[in-house]
Every structure is written in structure tokens, then in C-alpha cells.
Amino acid sequence: EHHSSVPVTIQALQGVGTVIAGTERFRIDPTHAVVLSASVPHAVQPDPGTDLVLLVHHLGRGEESHP
């Protein structure tokens, strides 16, 4: 789990998975993306047996934190 100091979009270029943000879970695949506000703790979990390749856009300036 980590967070970004700026808003981010997360999309799967290959594979399928789930973005976990707090108590919410969002499915991602090549046709669906997730947009998260700055400072939202999140993690990405690939589906079993899936090679998940992500495209992550950091929307603005800031530093990412990995506790």
C-alpha cells in the first residue's frame, strides 16, 4: 500500500486486477481505469494467474510516498 501527493489514474495495459483504496475495491483492465485523489492510500492486486502491466499517471507535481 502507498499513496501519492497528487491525483493519479491507474489502468491495466495487460491483465486484470483490483485497486484497493480504503474499504473500496475497483476492477481494472485495459478498458477501465481508476482515478484517485491525492493522498488516498491504495494498493493494486492482480488476479490469480494474471501478469498485470499498469499505466499510472501522476496528475501534477509532488512526491510519492512508499511507507
PDB file of N, CA and C in Angstrom:
ATOM      1  N   GLU A   1       0.848  -1.181   0.000  1.00  0.00           N
ATOM      2  CA  GLU A   1       0.000   0.000   0.000  1.00  0.00           C
ATOM      3  C   GLU A   1       0.883   1.230   0.000  1.00  0.00           C
ATOM      4  N   HIS A   2       0.467   2.236  -0.739  1.00  0.00           N
ATOM      5  CA  HIS A   2       1.193   3.504  -0.790  1.00  0.00           C
ATOM      6  C   HIS A   2       0.208   4.605  -1.165  1.00  0.00           C
ATOM      7  N   HIS A   3       0.693   5.833  -1.265  1.00  0.00           N
ATOM      8  CA  HIS A   3      -0.141   6.947  -1.699  1.00  0.00           C
ATOM      9  C   HIS A   3       0.714   7.930  -2.480  1.00  0.00           C
ATOM     10  N   SER A   4       0.052   8.838  -3.163  1.00  0.00           N
ATOM     11  CA  SER A   4       0.732   9.859  -3.948  1.00  0.00           C
ATOM     12  C   SER A   4       0.271  11.225  -3.444  1.00  0.00           C
ATOM     13  N   SER A   5       1.155  12.195  -3.510  1.00  0.00           N
ATOM     14  CA  SER A   5       0.782  13.545  -3.062  1.00  0.00           C
ATOM     15  C   SER A   5      -0.019  14.297  -4.125  1.00  0.00           C
ATOM     16  N   VAL A   6      -0.223  13.678  -5.287  1.00  0.00           N
ATOM     17  CA  VAL A   6      -1.035  14.259  -6.363  1.00  0.00           C
ATOM     18  C   VAL A   6      -2.065  13.219  -6.809  1.00  0.00           C
ATOM     19  N   PRO A   7      -3.132  13.639  -7.480  1.00  0.00           N
ATOM     20  CA  PRO A   7      -4.087  12.661  -8.007  1.00  0.00           C
ATOM     21  C   PRO A   7      -3.407  11.716  -9.002  1.00  0.00           C
ATOM     22  N   VAL A   8      -3.921  10.490  -9.107  1.00  0.00           N
ATOM     23  CA  VAL A   8      -3.358   9.510 -10.041  1.00  0.00           C
ATOM     24  C   VAL A   8      -4.478   8.793 -10.789  1.00  0.00           C
ATOM     25  N   THR A   9      -4.145   8.319 -11.992  1.00  0.00           N
ATOM     26  CA  THR A   9      -5.008   7.378 -12.700  1.00  0.00           C
ATOM     27  C   THR A   9      -4.241   6.072 -12.803  1.00  0.00           C
ATOM     28  N   ILE A  10      -4.957   4.967 -12.688  1.00  0.00           N
ATOM     29  CA  ILE A  10      -4.349   3.638 -12.765  1.00  0.00           C
ATOM     30  C   ILE A  10      -5.159   2.823 -13.771  1.00  0.00           C
ATOM     31  N   GLN A  11      -4.469   2.288 -14.785  1.00  0.00           N
ATOM     32  CA  GLN A  11      -5.125   1.469 -15.790  1.00  0.00           C
ATOM     33  C   GLN A  11      -4.263   0.246 -16.075  1.00  0.00           C
ATOM     34  N   ALA A  12      -4.890  -0.877 -16.337  1.00  0.00           N
ATOM     35  CA  ALA A  12      -4.171  -2.087 -16.732  1.00  0.00           C
ATOM     36  C   ALA A  12      -3.953  -2.041 -18.237  1.00  0.00           C
ATOM     37  N   LEU A  13      -2.706  -2.125 -18.672  1.00  0.00           N
ATOM     38  CA  LEU A  13      -2.420  -2.253 -20.094  1.00  0.00           C
ATOM     39  C   LEU A  13      -2.555  -3.700 -20.533  1.00  0.00           C
ATOM     40  N   GLN A  14      -2.273  -4.605 -19.603  1.00  0.00           N
ATOM     41  CA  GLN A  14      -2.385  -6.049 -19.841  1.00  0.00           C
ATOM     42  C   GLN A  14      -2.817  -6.699 -18.545  1.00  0.00           C
ATOM     43  N   GLY A  15      -3.714  -7.648 -18.635  1.00  0.00           N
ATOM     44  CA  GLY A  15      -4.161  -8.366 -17.448  1.00  0.00           C
ATOM     45  C   GLY A  15      -5.340  -7.689 -16.776  1.00  0.00           C
ATOM     46  N   VAL A  16      -5.732  -8.250 -15.646  1.00  0.00           N
ATOM     47  CA  VAL A  16      -6.898  -7.786 -14.887  1.00  0.00           C
ATOM     48  C   VAL A  16      -6.529  -7.793 -13.410  1.00  0.00           C
ATOM     49  N   GLY A  17      -7.039  -6.821 -12.676  1.00  0.00           N
ATOM     50  CA  GLY A  17      -6.766  -6.775 -11.246  1.00  0.00           C
ATOM     51  C   GLY A  17      -7.745  -5.886 -10.518  1.00  0.00           C
ATOM     52  N   THR A  18      -7.400  -5.587  -9.272  1.00  0.00           N
ATOM     53  CA  THR A  18      -8.250  -4.792  -8.398  1.00  0.00           C
ATOM     54  C   THR A  18      -7.412  -3.720  -7.726  1.00  0.00           C
ATOM     55  N   VAL A  19      -7.922  -2.489  -7.743  1.00  0.00           N
ATOM     56  CA  VAL A  19      -7.328  -1.404  -6.965  1.00  0.00           C
ATOM     57  C   VAL A  19      -8.094  -1.360  -5.650  1.00  0.00           C
ATOM     58  N   ILE A  20      -7.356  -1.415  -4.547  1.00  0.00           N
ATOM     59  CA  ILE A  20      -7.954  -1.357  -3.217  1.00  0.00           C
ATOM     60  C   ILE A  20      -7.621   0.011  -2.632  1.00  0.00           C
ATOM     61  N   ALA A  21      -8.660   0.789  -2.341  1.00  0.00           N
ATOM     62  CA  ALA A  21      -8.496   2.129  -1.781  1.00  0.00           C
ATOM     63  C   ALA A  21      -9.398   2.229  -0.560  1.00  0.00           C
ATOM     64  N   GLY A  22      -8.799   2.102   0.607  1.00  0.00           N
ATOM     65  CA  GLY A  22      -9.593   2.082   1.841  1.00  0.00           C
ATOM     66  C   GLY A  22     -10.462   0.841   1.856  1.00  0.00           C
ATOM     67  N   THR A  23     -11.767   1.025   2.000  1.00  0.00           N
ATOM     68  CA  THR A  23     -12.695  -0.113   2.018  1.00  0.00           C
ATOM     69  C   THR A  23     -13.290  -0.390   0.637  1.00  0.00           C
ATOM     70  N   GLU A  24     -12.894   0.376  -0.370  1.00  0.00           N
ATOM     71  CA  GLU A  24     -13.449   0.203  -1.716  1.00  0.00           C
ATOM     72  C   GLU A  24     -12.514  -0.612  -2.599  1.00  0.00           C
ATOM     73  N   ARG A  25     -13.120  -1.360  -3.512  1.00  0.00           N
ATOM     74  CA  ARG A  25     -12.372  -2.184  -4.461  1.00  0.00           C
ATOM     75  C   ARG A  25     -12.866  -1.841  -5.865  1.00  0.00           C
ATOM     76  N   PHE A  26     -11.927  -1.601  -6.789  1.00  0.00           N
ATOM     77  CA  PHE A  26     -12.260  -1.221  -8.154  1.00  0.00           C
ATOM     78  C   PHE A  26     -11.558  -2.162  -9.122  1.00  0.00           C
ATOM     79  N   ARG A  27     -12.310  -2.746 -10.065  1.00  0.00           N
ATOM     80  CA  ARG A  27     -11.733  -3.621 -11.072  1.00  0.00           C
ATOM     81  C   ARG A  27     -11.046  -2.772 -12.136  1.00  0.00           C
ATOM     82  N   ILE A  28      -9.862  -3.211 -12.560  1.00  0.00           N
ATOM     83  CA  ILE A  28      -9.178  -2.544 -13.661  1.00  0.00           C
ATOM     84  C   ILE A  28      -8.819  -3.572 -14.725  1.00  0.00           C
ATOM     85  N   ASP A  29      -8.860  -3.119 -15.960  1.00  0.00           N
ATOM     86  CA  ASP A  29      -8.478  -3.922 -17.116  1.00  0.00           C
ATOM     87  C   ASP A  29      -8.137  -2.921 -18.226  1.00  0.00           C
ATOM     88  N   PRO A  30      -7.817  -3.374 -19.421  1.00  0.00           N
ATOM     89  CA  PRO A  30      -7.436  -2.418 -20.467  1.00  0.00           C
ATOM     90  C   PRO A  30      -8.543  -1.434 -20.876  1.00  0.00           C
ATOM     91  N   THR A  31      -9.781  -1.670 -20.486  1.00  0.00           N
ATOM     92  CA  THR A  31     -10.861  -0.746 -20.854  1.00  0.00           C
ATOM     93  C   THR A  31     -11.401   0.073 -19.685  1.00  0.00           C
ATOM     94  N   HIS A  32     -10.887  -0.162 -18.464  1.00  0.00           N
ATOM     95  CA  HIS A  32     -11.363   0.566 -17.287  1.00  0.00           C
ATOM     96  C   HIS A  32     -10.190   1.067 -16.458  1.00  0.00           C
ATOM     97  N   ALA A  33     -10.275   2.326 -16.069  1.00  0.00           N
ATOM     98  CA  ALA A  33      -9.236   2.936 -15.244  1.00  0.00           C
ATOM     99  C   ALA A  33      -9.861   3.435 -13.940  1.00  0.00           C
ATOM    100  N   VAL A  34      -8.999   3.733 -12.977  1.00  0.00           N
ATOM    101  CA  VAL A  34      -9.421   4.290 -11.693  1.00  0.00           C
ATOM    102  C   VAL A  34      -8.708   5.621 -11.510  1.00  0.00           C
ATOM    103  N   VAL A  35      -9.431   6.626 -11.039  1.00  0.00           N
ATOM    104  CA  VAL A  35      -8.856   7.931 -10.716  1.00  0.00           C
ATOM    105  C   VAL A  35      -8.951   8.105  -9.205  1.00  0.00           C
ATOM    106  N   LEU A  36      -7.804   8.384  -8.581  1.00  0.00           N
ATOM    107  CA  LEU A  36      -7.760   8.563  -7.126  1.00  0.00           C
ATOM    108  C   LEU A  36      -7.291   9.967  -6.788  1.00  0.00           C
ATOM    109  N   SER A  37      -7.897  10.557  -5.787  1.00  0.00           N
ATOM    110  CA  SER A  37      -7.471  11.863  -5.289  1.00  0.00           C
ATOM    111  C   SER A  37      -6.107  11.749  -4.627  1.00  0.00           C
ATOM    112  N   ALA A  38      -5.461  12.867  -4.457  1.00  0.00           N
ATOM    113  CA  ALA A  38      -4.169  12.914  -3.763  1.00  0.00           C
ATOM    114  C   ALA A  38      -4.320  12.352  -2.353  1.00  0.00           C
ATOM    115  N   SER A  39      -3.281  11.708  -1.890  1.00  0.00           N
ATOM    116  CA  SER A  39      -3.158  11.196  -0.512  1.00  0.00           C
ATOM    117  C   SER A  39      -4.083  10.027  -0.179  1.00  0.00           C
ATOM    118  N   VAL A  40      -4.712   9.401  -1.170  1.00  0.00           N
ATOM    119  CA  VAL A  40      -5.560   8.243  -0.910  1.00  0.00           C
ATOM    120  C   VAL A  40      -4.679   6.991  -0.866  1.00  0.00           C
ATOM    121  N   PRO A  41      -4.596   6.328   0.280  1.00  0.00           N
ATOM    122  CA  PRO A  41      -3.810   5.088   0.347  1.00  0.00           C
ATOM    123  C   PRO A  41      -4.442   4.034  -0.561  1.00  0.00           C
ATOM    124  N   HIS A  42      -3.607   3.343  -1.322  1.00  0.00           N
ATOM    125  CA  HIS A  42      -4.127   2.341  -2.249  1.00  0.00           C
ATOM    126  C   HIS A  42      -3.094   1.260  -2.516  1.00  0.00           C
ATOM    127  N   ALA A  43      -3.596   0.148  -3.026  1.00  0.00           N
ATOM    128  CA  ALA A  43      -2.760  -0.981  -3.437  1.00  0.00           C
ATOM    129  C   ALA A  43      -3.403  -1.588  -4.675  1.00  0.00           C
ATOM    130  N   VAL A  44      -2.608  -2.298  -5.468  1.00  0.00           N
ATOM    131  CA  VAL A  44      -3.127  -2.976  -6.659  1.00  0.00           C
ATOM    132  C   VAL A  44      -2.845  -4.464  -6.511  1.00  0.00           C
ATOM    133  N   GLN A  45      -3.877  -5.266  -6.749  1.00  0.00           N
ATOM    134  CA  GLN A  45      -3.760  -6.713  -6.605  1.00  0.00           C
ATOM    135  C   GLN A  45      -4.132  -7.366  -7.942  1.00  0.00           C
ATOM    136  N   PRO A  46      -3.186  -8.076  -8.574  1.00  0.00           N
ATOM    137  CA  PRO A  46      -3.526  -8.759  -9.827  1.00  0.00           C
ATOM    138  C   PRO A  46      -4.415  -9.966  -9.565  1.00  0.00           C
ATOM    139  N   ASP A  47      -5.230 -10.324 -10.550  1.00  0.00           N
ATOM    140  CA  ASP A  47      -6.000 -11.557 -10.443  1.00  0.00           C
ATOM    141  C   ASP A  47      -5.037 -12.741 -10.452  1.00  0.00           C
ATOM    142  N   PRO A  48      -5.373 -13.838  -9.788  1.00  0.00           N
ATOM    143  CA  PRO A  48      -4.505 -15.024  -9.797  1.00  0.00           C
ATOM    144  C   PRO A  48      -4.214 -15.482 -11.229  1.00  0.00           C
ATOM    145  N   GLY A  49      -2.955 -15.798 -11.489  1.00  0.00           N
ATOM    146  CA  GLY A  49      -2.536 -16.277 -12.795  1.00  0.00           C
ATOM    147  C   GLY A  49      -2.442 -15.209 -13.861  1.00  0.00           C
ATOM    148  N   THR A  50      -2.533 -13.934 -13.455  1.00  0.00           N
ATOM    149  CA  THR A  50      -2.502 -12.822 -14.408  1.00  0.00           C
ATOM    150  C   THR A  50      -1.186 -12.060 -14.304  1.00  0.00           C
ATOM    151  N   ASP A  51      -0.584 -11.782 -15.446  1.00  0.00           N
ATOM    152  CA  ASP A  51       0.529 -10.843 -15.495  1.00  0.00           C
ATOM    153  C   ASP A  51      -0.083  -9.465 -15.701  1.00  0.00           C
ATOM    154  N   LEU A  52      -0.013  -8.620 -14.689  1.00  0.00           N
ATOM    155  CA  LEU A  52      -0.653  -7.309 -14.714  1.00  0.00           C
ATOM    156  C   LEU A  52       0.380  -6.239 -15.029  1.00  0.00           C
ATOM    157  N   VAL A  53       0.160  -5.523 -16.126  1.00  0.00           N
ATOM    158  CA  VAL A  53       1.023  -4.408 -16.524  1.00  0.00           C
ATOM    159  C   VAL A  53       0.198  -3.137 -16.366  1.00  0.00           C
ATOM    160  N   LEU A  54       0.695  -2.195 -15.558  1.00  0.00           N
ATOM    161  CA  LEU A  54      -0.057  -0.984 -15.231  1.00  0.00           C
ATOM    162  C   LEU A  54       0.477   0.246 -15.946  1.00  0.00           C
ATOM    163  N   LEU A  55      -0.439   1.173 -16.229  1.00  0.00           N
ATOM    164  CA  LEU A  55      -0.101   2.515 -16.651  1.00  0.00           C
ATOM    165  C   LEU A  55      -0.605   3.438 -15.550  1.00  0.00           C
ATOM    166  N   VAL A  56       0.304   4.164 -14.907  1.00  0.00           N
ATOM    167  CA  VAL A  56      -0.045   5.060 -13.809  1.00  0.00           C
ATOM    168  C   VAL A  56       0.355   6.474 -14.199  1.00  0.00           C
ATOM    169  N   HIS A  57      -0.610   7.385 -14.169  1.00  0.00           N
ATOM    170  CA  HIS A  57      -0.345   8.795 -14.457  1.00  0.00           C
ATOM    171  C   HIS A  57      -0.412   9.570 -13.146  1.00  0.00           C
ATOM    172  N   HIS A  58       0.630  10.320 -12.861  1.00  0.00           N
ATOM    173  CA  HIS A  58       0.635  11.229 -11.715  1.00  0.00           C
ATOM    174  C   HIS A  58       0.224  12.595 -12.246  1.00  0.00           C
ATOM    175  N   LEU A  59      -0.899  13.108 -11.781  1.00  0.00           N
ATOM    176  CA  LEU A  59      -1.505  14.305 -12.342  1.00  0.00           C
ATOM    177  C   LEU A  59      -1.095  15.550 -11.556  1.00  0.00           C
ATOM    178  N   GLY A  60       0.086  16.021 -11.782  1.00  0.00           N
ATOM    179  CA  GLY A  60       0.577  17.210 -11.104  1.00  0.00           C
ATOM    180  C   GLY A  60       1.961  16.984 -10.555  1.00  0.00           C
ATOM    181  N   ARG A  61       2.409  17.904  -9.753  1.00  0.00           N
ATOM    182  CA  ARG A  61       3.736  17.796  -9.155  1.00  0.00           C
ATOM    183  C   ARG A  61       3.615  17.349  -7.713  1.00  0.00           C
ATOM    184  N   GLY A  62       4.590  16.595  -7.261  1.00  0.00           N
ATOM    185  CA  GLY A  62       4.595  16.131  -5.883  1.00  0.00           C
ATOM    186  C   GLY A  62       5.513  14.940  -5.744  1.00  0.00           C
ATOM    187  N   GLU A  63       5.611  14.414  -4.560  1.00  0.00           N
ATOM    188  CA  GLU A  63       6.471  13.268  -4.292  1.00  0.00           C
ATOM    189  C   GLU A  63       5.622  12.108  -3.845  1.00  0.00           C
ATOM    190  N   GLU A  64       5.918  10.931  -4.360  1.00  0.00           N
ATOM    191  CA  GLU A  64       5.191   9.730  -3.966  1.00  0.00           C
ATOM    192  C   GLU A  64       5.814   9.161  -2.707  1.00  0.00           C
ATOM    193  N   SER A  65       4.969   8.625  -1.846  1.00  0.00           N
ATOM    194  CA  SER A  65       5.438   8.070  -0.582  1.00  0.00           C
ATOM    195  C   SER A  65       5.205   6.579  -0.558  1.00  0.00           C
ATOM    196  N   HIS A  66       6.244   5.817  -0.181  1.00  0.00           N
ATOM    197  CA  HIS A  66       6.141   4.368  -0.028  1.00  0.00           C
ATOM    198  C   HIS A  66       6.558   4.003   1.385  1.00  0.00           C
ATOM    199  N   PRO A  67       5.571   3.963   2.321  1.00  0.00           N
ATOM    200  CA  PRO A  67       5.952   3.640   3.717  1.00  0.00           C
ATOM    201  C   PRO A  67       6.468   2.223   3.858  1.00  0.00           C
TER     202      PRO A  67
END
